[in-house]
PDB file of N, CA and C in Angstrom:
ATOM      1  N   MET A   1    -139.751 215.663  -9.555  1.00  0.00           N
ATOM      2  CA  MET A   1    -138.530 214.982  -9.176  1.00  0.00           C
ATOM      3  C   MET A   1    -137.803 215.831  -8.144  1.00  0.00           C
ATOM      4  N   THR A   2    -137.350 215.225  -7.093  1.00  0.00           N
ATOM      5  CA  THR A   2    -136.653 215.920  -6.020  1.00  0.00           C
ATOM      6  C   THR A   2    -135.174 215.577  -6.058  1.00  0.00           C
ATOM      7  N   TYR A   3    -134.341 216.576  -5.854  1.00  0.00           N
ATOM      8  CA  TYR A   3    -132.906 216.364  -5.813  1.00  0.00           C
ATOM      9  C   TYR A   3    -132.373 216.792  -4.455  1.00  0.00           C
ATOM     10  N   VAL A   4    -131.403 216.060  -4.000  1.00  0.00           N
ATOM     11  CA  VAL A   4    -130.669 216.445  -2.796  1.00  0.00           C
ATOM     12  C   VAL A   4    -129.240 216.663  -3.253  1.00  0.00           C
ATOM     13  N   LYS A   5    -128.676 217.812  -2.945  1.00  0.00           N
ATOM     14  CA  LYS A   5    -127.329 218.116  -3.419  1.00  0.00           C
ATOM     15  C   LYS A   5    -126.384 218.272  -2.231  1.00  0.00           C
ATOM     16  N   PHE A   6    -125.262 217.564  -2.288  1.00  0.00           N
ATOM     17  CA  PHE A   6    -124.230 217.646  -1.257  1.00  0.00           C
ATOM     18  C   PHE A   6    -122.914 218.004  -1.923  1.00  0.00           C
ATOM     19  N   THR A   7    -122.016 218.530  -1.160  1.00  0.00           N
ATOM     20  CA  THR A   7    -120.672 218.796  -1.646  1.00  0.00           C
ATOM     21  C   THR A   7    -119.710 217.887  -0.900  1.00  0.00           C
ATOM     22  N   TYR A   8    -118.848 217.207  -1.645  1.00  0.00           N
ATOM     23  CA  TYR A   8    -117.866 216.306  -1.060  1.00  0.00           C
ATOM     24  C   TYR A   8    -116.495 216.953  -1.085  1.00  0.00           C
ATOM     25  N   ILE A   9    -115.811 216.866   0.028  1.00  0.00           N
ATOM     26  CA  ILE A   9    -114.429 217.331   0.141  1.00  0.00           C
ATOM     27  C   ILE A   9    -113.596 216.099   0.452  1.00  0.00           C
ATOM     28  N   LEU A  10    -112.702 215.737  -0.433  1.00  0.00           N
ATOM     29  CA  LEU A  10    -111.884 214.547  -0.254  1.00  0.00           C
ATOM     30  C   LEU A  10    -110.416 214.900  -0.213  1.00  0.00           C
ATOM     31  N   GLN A  11    -109.706 214.201   0.649  1.00  0.00           N
ATOM     32  CA  GLN A  11    -108.252 214.240   0.643  1.00  0.00           C
ATOM     33  C   GLN A  11    -107.805 212.828   0.311  1.00  0.00           C
ATOM     34  N   ILE A  12    -107.177 212.663  -0.818  1.00  0.00           N
ATOM     35  CA  ILE A  12    -106.738 211.343  -1.256  1.00  0.00           C
ATOM     36  C   ILE A  12    -105.270 211.171  -0.899  1.00  0.00           C
ATOM     37  N   LYS A  13    -104.989 210.066  -0.223  1.00  0.00           N
ATOM     38  CA  LYS A  13    -103.621 209.763   0.184  1.00  0.00           C
ATOM     39  C   LYS A  13    -103.197 208.422  -0.389  1.00  0.00           C
ATOM     40  N   LYS A  14    -101.941 208.324  -0.723  1.00  0.00           N
ATOM     41  CA  LYS A  14    -101.310 207.059  -1.095  1.00  0.00           C
ATOM     42  C   LYS A  14    -100.157 206.887  -0.138  1.00  0.00           C
ATOM     43  N   GLY A  15    -100.315 205.938   0.761  1.00  0.00           N
ATOM     44  CA  GLY A  15     -99.321 205.789   1.814  1.00  0.00           C
ATOM     45  C   GLY A  15     -99.363 207.028   2.686  1.00  0.00           C
ATOM     46  N   LYS A  16     -98.257 207.702   2.830  1.00  0.00           N
ATOM     47  CA  LYS A  16     -98.212 208.922   3.636  1.00  0.00           C
ATOM     48  C   LYS A  16     -98.285 210.177   2.774  1.00  0.00           C
ATOM     49  N   ARG A  17     -98.346 209.997   1.464  1.00  0.00           N
ATOM     50  CA  ARG A  17     -98.331 211.139   0.540  1.00  0.00           C
ATOM     51  C   ARG A  17     -99.758 211.608   0.234  1.00  0.00           C
ATOM     52  N   LEU A  18    -100.003 212.885   0.434  1.00  0.00           N
ATOM     53  CA  LEU A  18    -101.294 213.480   0.107  1.00  0.00           C
ATOM     54  C   LEU A  18    -101.337 213.738  -1.393  1.00  0.00           C
ATOM     55  N   MET A  19    -102.277 213.077  -2.080  1.00  0.00           N
ATOM     56  CA  MET A  19    -102.391 213.219  -3.533  1.00  0.00           C
ATOM     57  C   MET A  19    -103.086 214.526  -3.902  1.00  0.00           C
ATOM     58  N   GLY A  20    -104.055 214.934  -3.116  1.00  0.00           N
ATOM     59  CA  GLY A  20    -104.756 216.167  -3.420  1.00  0.00           C
ATOM     60  C   GLY A  20    -106.008 216.307  -2.578  1.00  0.00           C
ATOM     61  N   LYS A  21    -106.538 217.515  -2.566  1.00  0.00           N
ATOM     62  CA  LYS A  21    -107.785 217.805  -1.857  1.00  0.00           C
ATOM     63  C   LYS A  21    -108.766 218.310  -2.903  1.00  0.00           C
ATOM     64  N   TYR A  22    -109.944 217.699  -2.940  1.00  0.00           N
ATOM     65  CA  TYR A  22    -110.905 217.986  -3.996  1.00  0.00           C
ATOM     66  C   TYR A  22    -112.282 218.272  -3.408  1.00  0.00           C
ATOM     67  N   VAL A  23    -113.024 219.156  -4.069  1.00  0.00           N
ATOM     68  CA  VAL A  23    -114.381 219.506  -3.647  1.00  0.00           C
ATOM     69  C   VAL A  23    -115.293 219.375  -4.875  1.00  0.00           C
ATOM     70  N   TYR A  24    -116.306 218.514  -4.760  1.00  0.00           N
ATOM     71  CA  TYR A  24    -117.238 218.293  -5.862  1.00  0.00           C
ATOM     72  C   TYR A  24    -118.660 218.186  -5.337  1.00  0.00           C
ATOM     73  N   PRO A  25    -119.624 218.754  -6.068  1.00  0.00           N
ATOM     74  CA  PRO A  25    -121.030 218.553  -5.703  1.00  0.00           C
ATOM     75  C   PRO A  25    -121.501 217.182  -6.194  1.00  0.00           C
ATOM     76  N   ALA A  26    -122.410 216.592  -5.445  1.00  0.00           N
ATOM     77  CA  ALA A  26    -123.054 215.336  -5.845  1.00  0.00           C
ATOM     78  C   ALA A  26    -124.560 215.564  -5.847  1.00  0.00           C
ATOM     79  N   VAL A  27    -125.247 214.974  -6.812  1.00  0.00           N
ATOM     80  CA  VAL A  27    -126.703 215.093  -6.913  1.00  0.00           C
ATOM     81  C   VAL A  27    -127.315 213.733  -6.589  1.00  0.00           C
ATOM     82  N   PHE A  28    -128.188 213.723  -5.586  1.00  0.00           N
ATOM     83  CA  PHE A  28    -128.874 212.510  -5.139  1.00  0.00           C
ATOM     84  C   PHE A  28    -130.319 212.600  -5.599  1.00  0.00           C
ATOM     85  N   THR A  29    -130.765 211.597  -6.352  1.00  0.00           N
ATOM     86  CA  THR A  29    -132.129 211.566  -6.862  1.00  0.00           C
ATOM     87  C   THR A  29    -132.880 210.408  -6.221  1.00  0.00           C
ATOM     88  N   PRO A  30    -133.992 210.693  -5.534  1.00  0.00           N
ATOM     89  CA  PRO A  30    -134.770 209.601  -4.933  1.00  0.00           C
ATOM     90  C   PRO A  30    -135.340 208.685  -6.026  1.00  0.00           C
ATOM     91  N   GLU A  31    -135.249 207.398  -5.785  1.00  0.00           N
ATOM     92  CA  GLU A  31    -135.790 206.390  -6.694  1.00  0.00           C
ATOM     93  C   GLU A  31    -136.868 205.600  -5.953  1.00  0.00           C
ATOM     94  N   GLU A  32    -137.372 204.563  -6.573  1.00  0.00           N
ATOM     95  CA  GLU A  32    -138.398 203.725  -5.949  1.00  0.00           C
ATOM     96  C   GLU A  32    -137.854 203.012  -4.708  1.00  0.00           C
ATOM     97  N   ALA A  33    -138.745 202.720  -3.793  1.00  0.00           N
ATOM     98  CA  ALA A  33    -138.446 201.933  -2.589  1.00  0.00           C
ATOM     99  C   ALA A  33    -137.382 202.581  -1.699  1.00  0.00           C
ATOM    100  N   GLY A  34    -137.292 203.909  -1.718  1.00  0.00           N
ATOM    101  CA  GLY A  34    -136.366 204.606  -0.825  1.00  0.00           C
ATOM    102  C   GLY A  34    -134.929 204.637  -1.278  1.00  0.00           C
ATOM    103  N   LYS A  35    -134.640 204.121  -2.462  1.00  0.00           N
ATOM    104  CA  LYS A  35    -133.267 204.108  -2.963  1.00  0.00           C
ATOM    105  C   LYS A  35    -132.914 205.465  -3.573  1.00  0.00           C
ATOM    106  N   TYR A  36    -131.611 205.693  -3.757  1.00  0.00           N
ATOM    107  CA  TYR A  36    -131.127 206.937  -4.353  1.00  0.00           C
ATOM    108  C   TYR A  36    -130.101 206.636  -5.433  1.00  0.00           C
ATOM    109  N   SER A  37    -130.216 207.341  -6.549  1.00  0.00           N
ATOM    110  CA  SER A  37    -129.141 207.332  -7.543  1.00  0.00           C
ATOM    111  C   SER A  37    -128.321 208.598  -7.305  1.00  0.00           C
ATOM    112  N   VAL A  38    -127.035 208.502  -7.602  1.00  0.00           N
ATOM    113  CA  VAL A  38    -126.110 209.597  -7.302  1.00  0.00           C
ATOM    114  C   VAL A  38    -125.200 209.816  -8.503  1.00  0.00           C
ATOM    115  N   TYR A  39    -124.983 211.080  -8.834  1.00  0.00           N
ATOM    116  CA  TYR A  39    -123.971 211.375  -9.848  1.00  0.00           C
ATOM    117  C   TYR A  39    -123.251 212.667  -9.489  1.00  0.00           C
ATOM    118  N   PHE A  40    -122.048 212.778 -10.041  1.00  0.00           N
ATOM    119  CA  PHE A  40    -121.213 213.967  -9.868  1.00  0.00           C
ATOM    120  C   PHE A  40    -121.198 214.694 -11.209  1.00  0.00           C
ATOM    121  N   PRO A  41    -121.911 215.825 -11.319  1.00  0.00           N
ATOM    122  CA  PRO A  41    -122.029 216.502 -12.616  1.00  0.00           C
ATOM    123  C   PRO A  41    -120.708 216.995 -13.203  1.00  0.00           C
ATOM    124  N   ASP A  42    -119.698 217.181 -12.370  1.00  0.00           N
ATOM    125  CA  ASP A  42    -118.418 217.692 -12.865  1.00  0.00           C
ATOM    126  C   ASP A  42    -117.458 216.592 -13.308  1.00  0.00           C
ATOM    127  N   ILE A  43    -117.830 215.324 -13.096  1.00  0.00           N
ATOM    128  CA  ILE A  43    -116.927 214.220 -13.414  1.00  0.00           C
ATOM    129  C   ILE A  43    -117.662 213.215 -14.302  1.00  0.00           C
ATOM    130  N   ASP A  44    -117.269 213.145 -15.558  1.00  0.00           N
ATOM    131  CA  ASP A  44    -117.909 212.217 -16.489  1.00  0.00           C
ATOM    132  C   ASP A  44    -117.784 210.779 -15.996  1.00  0.00           C
ATOM    133  N   GLY A  45    -118.896 210.072 -16.018  1.00  0.00           N
ATOM    134  CA  GLY A  45    -118.889 208.653 -15.693  1.00  0.00           C
ATOM    135  C   GLY A  45    -118.857 208.311 -14.224  1.00  0.00           C
ATOM    136  N   CYS A  46    -119.008 209.281 -13.355  1.00  0.00           N
ATOM    137  CA  CYS A  46    -118.968 209.011 -11.911  1.00  0.00           C
ATOM    138  C   CYS A  46    -120.396 208.941 -11.376  1.00  0.00           C
ATOM    139  N   TYR A  47    -120.925 207.717 -11.343  1.00  0.00           N
ATOM    140  CA  TYR A  47    -122.295 207.449 -10.906  1.00  0.00           C
ATOM    141  C   TYR A  47    -122.285 206.339  -9.867  1.00  0.00           C
ATOM    142  N   THR A  48    -123.290 206.307  -9.025  1.00  0.00           N
ATOM    143  CA  THR A  48    -123.478 205.208  -8.089  1.00  0.00           C
ATOM    144  C   THR A  48    -124.914 205.242  -7.588  1.00  0.00           C
ATOM    145  N   CYS A  49    -125.233 204.387  -6.634  1.00  0.00           N
ATOM    146  CA  CYS A  49    -126.567 204.376  -6.039  1.00  0.00           C
ATOM    147  C   CYS A  49    -126.469 203.806  -4.634  1.00  0.00           C
ATOM    148  N   GLY A  50    -127.543 203.977  -3.872  1.00  0.00           N
ATOM    149  CA  GLY A  50    -127.581 203.456  -2.514  1.00  0.00           C
ATOM    150  C   GLY A  50    -128.968 202.977  -2.153  1.00  0.00           C
ATOM    151  N   ASP A  51    -129.031 202.086  -1.184  1.00  0.00           N
ATOM    152  CA  ASP A  51    -130.313 201.541  -0.730  1.00  0.00           C
ATOM    153  C   ASP A  51    -131.153 202.570   0.011  1.00  0.00           C
ATOM    154  N   ASP A  52    -130.492 203.599   0.561  1.00  0.00           N
ATOM    155  CA  ASP A  52    -131.163 204.719   1.209  1.00  0.00           C
ATOM    156  C   ASP A  52    -130.207 205.902   1.142  1.00  0.00           C
ATOM    157  N   LEU A  53    -130.585 207.039   1.703  1.00  0.00           N
ATOM    158  CA  LEU A  53    -129.736 208.232   1.584  1.00  0.00           C
ATOM    159  C   LEU A  53    -128.376 208.025   2.246  1.00  0.00           C
ATOM    160  N   ALA A  54    -128.362 207.425   3.433  1.00  0.00           N
ATOM    161  CA  ALA A  54    -127.082 207.197   4.127  1.00  0.00           C
ATOM    162  C   ALA A  54    -126.173 206.286   3.308  1.00  0.00           C
ATOM    163  N   ASP A  55    -126.723 205.219   2.752  1.00  0.00           N
ATOM    164  CA  ASP A  55    -125.938 204.303   1.927  1.00  0.00           C
ATOM    165  C   ASP A  55    -125.479 205.013   0.657  1.00  0.00           C
ATOM    166  N   GLY A  56    -126.351 205.823   0.072  1.00  0.00           N
ATOM    167  CA  GLY A  56    -125.977 206.586  -1.113  1.00  0.00           C
ATOM    168  C   GLY A  56    -124.820 207.530  -0.850  1.00  0.00           C
ATOM    169  N   MET A  57    -124.816 208.149   0.312  1.00  0.00           N
ATOM    170  CA  MET A  57    -123.723 209.059   0.666  1.00  0.00           C
ATOM    171  C   MET A  57    -122.402 208.301   0.800  1.00  0.00           C
ATOM    172  N   GLU A  58    -122.459 207.141   1.416  1.00  0.00           N
ATOM    173  CA  GLU A  58    -121.254 206.328   1.566  1.00  0.00           C
ATOM    174  C   GLU A  58    -120.757 205.838   0.197  1.00  0.00           C
ATOM    175  N   MET A  59    -121.694 205.382  -0.628  1.00  0.00           N
ATOM    176  CA  MET A  59    -121.322 204.903  -1.954  1.00  0.00           C
ATOM    177  C   MET A  59    -120.776 206.041  -2.819  1.00  0.00           C
ATOM    178  N   ALA A  60    -121.328 207.235  -2.668  1.00  0.00           N
ATOM    179  CA  ALA A  60    -120.856 208.393  -3.435  1.00  0.00           C
ATOM    180  C   ALA A  60    -119.411 208.729  -3.082  1.00  0.00           C
ATOM    181  N   GLU A  61    -119.105 208.700  -1.804  1.00  0.00           N
ATOM    182  CA  GLU A  61    -117.721 208.980  -1.391  1.00  0.00           C
ATOM    183  C   GLU A  61    -116.773 207.941  -1.975  1.00  0.00           C
ATOM    184  N   ASP A  62    -117.173 206.670  -1.926  1.00  0.00           N
ATOM    185  CA  ASP A  62    -116.337 205.609  -2.504  1.00  0.00           C
ATOM    186  C   ASP A  62    -116.157 205.797  -4.005  1.00  0.00           C
ATOM    187  N   ALA A  63    -117.255 206.078  -4.714  1.00  0.00           N
ATOM    188  CA  ALA A  63    -117.183 206.248  -6.168  1.00  0.00           C
ATOM    189  C   ALA A  63    -116.281 207.413  -6.545  1.00  0.00           C
ATOM    190  N   LEU A  64    -116.418 208.525  -5.842  1.00  0.00           N
ATOM    191  CA  LEU A  64    -115.593 209.699  -6.130  1.00  0.00           C
ATOM    192  C   LEU A  64    -114.124 209.413  -5.846  1.00  0.00           C
ATOM    193  N   THR A  65    -113.855 208.775  -4.729  1.00  0.00           N
ATOM    194  CA  THR A  65    -112.467 208.440  -4.376  1.00  0.00           C
ATOM    195  C   THR A  65    -111.848 207.534  -5.426  1.00  0.00           C
ATOM    196  N   LEU A  66    -112.575 206.507  -5.841  1.00  0.00           N
ATOM    197  CA  LEU A  66    -112.054 205.583  -6.855  1.00  0.00           C
ATOM    198  C   LEU A  66    -111.818 206.293  -8.186  1.00  0.00           C
ATOM    199  N   MET A  67    -112.738 207.144  -8.586  1.00  0.00           N
ATOM    200  CA  MET A  67    -112.603 207.846  -9.870  1.00  0.00           C
ATOM    201  C   MET A  67    -111.398 208.792  -9.846  1.00  0.00           C
ATOM    202  N   LEU A  68    -111.253 209.569  -8.781  1.00  0.00           N
ATOM    203  CA  LEU A  68    -110.132 210.513  -8.715  1.00  0.00           C
ATOM    204  C   LEU A  68    -108.795 209.789  -8.595  1.00  0.00           C
ATOM    205  N   THR A  69    -108.769 208.705  -7.851  1.00  0.00           N
ATOM    206  CA  THR A  69    -107.543 207.907  -7.736  1.00  0.00           C
ATOM    207  C   THR A  69    -107.163 207.336  -9.101  1.00  0.00           C
ATOM    208  N   HIS A  70    -108.146 206.836  -9.829  1.00  0.00           N
ATOM    209  CA  HIS A  70    -107.895 206.306 -11.173  1.00  0.00           C
ATOM    210  C   HIS A  70    -107.336 207.401 -12.091  1.00  0.00           C
ATOM    211  N   LEU A  71    -107.942 208.573 -12.070  1.00  0.00           N
ATOM    212  CA  LEU A  71    -107.456 209.667 -12.922  1.00  0.00           C
ATOM    213  C   LEU A  71    -106.021 210.044 -12.567  1.00  0.00           C
ATOM    214  N   GLU A  72    -105.708 210.087 -11.283  1.00  0.00           N
ATOM    215  CA  GLU A  72    -104.336 210.420 -10.879  1.00  0.00           C
ATOM    216  C   GLU A  72    -103.368 209.319 -11.277  1.00  0.00           C
ATOM    217  N   ASP A  73    -103.774 208.062 -11.087  1.00  0.00           N
ATOM    218  CA  ASP A  73    -102.908 206.938 -11.475  1.00  0.00           C
ATOM    219  C   ASP A  73    -102.602 206.961 -12.961  1.00  0.00           C
ATOM    220  N   GLU A  74    -103.582 207.357 -13.764  1.00  0.00           N
ATOM    221  CA  GLU A  74    -103.425 207.422 -15.212  1.00  0.00           C
ATOM    222  C   GLU A  74    -102.798 208.738 -15.665  1.00  0.00           C
ATOM    223  N   GLN A  75    -102.462 209.589 -14.710  1.00  0.00           N
ATOM    224  CA  GLN A  75    -101.889 210.917 -14.967  1.00  0.00           C
ATOM    225  C   GLN A  75    -102.746 211.724 -15.923  1.00  0.00           C
ATOM    226  N   ARG A  76    -104.081 211.594 -15.714  1.00  0.00           N
ATOM    227  CA  ARG A  76    -105.040 212.372 -16.497  1.00  0.00           C
ATOM    228  C   ARG A  76    -105.456 213.592 -15.697  1.00  0.00           C
ATOM    229  N   GLU A  77    -105.989 214.558 -16.398  1.00  0.00           N
ATOM    230  CA  GLU A  77    -106.402 215.812 -15.756  1.00  0.00           C
ATOM    231  C   GLU A  77    -107.576 215.568 -14.809  1.00  0.00           C
ATOM    232  N   ILE A  78    -107.493 216.149 -13.610  1.00  0.00           N
ATOM    233  CA  ILE A  78    -108.566 216.086 -12.642  1.00  0.00           C
ATOM    234  C   ILE A  78    -109.521 217.246 -12.961  1.00  0.00           C
ATOM    235  N   PRO A  79    -110.810 216.937 -13.216  1.00  0.00           N
ATOM    236  CA  PRO A  79    -111.760 218.012 -13.544  1.00  0.00           C
ATOM    237  C   PRO A  79    -111.911 219.000 -12.402  1.00  0.00           C
ATOM    238  N   SER A  80    -112.101 220.265 -12.752  1.00  0.00           N
ATOM    239  CA  SER A  80    -112.373 221.257 -11.715  1.00  0.00           C
ATOM    240  C   SER A  80    -113.871 221.252 -11.402  1.00  0.00           C
ATOM    241  N   ALA A  81    -114.186 221.583 -10.172  1.00  0.00           N
ATOM    242  CA  ALA A  81    -115.598 221.588  -9.754  1.00  0.00           C
ATOM    243  C   ALA A  81    -116.213 222.936 -10.045  1.00  0.00           C
TER     244      ALA A  81
END
């Protein structure tokens, strides 16, 4: 099994207010037909997939942004990377 690991740096904004800057590793696992599954080991429940590596990277950024925004909206603790 081959893994591709990237680190994501996100700045989440709401309107003009910067919510925070976060850095998390993502693990990309090749699947059948060129697809990739993606998960963030430091964030429970943050998974996604893509039709190829480029799509997986885009989907990973979206998934991470949505998860961190949800945690902030719920005033829950943001996991450290």
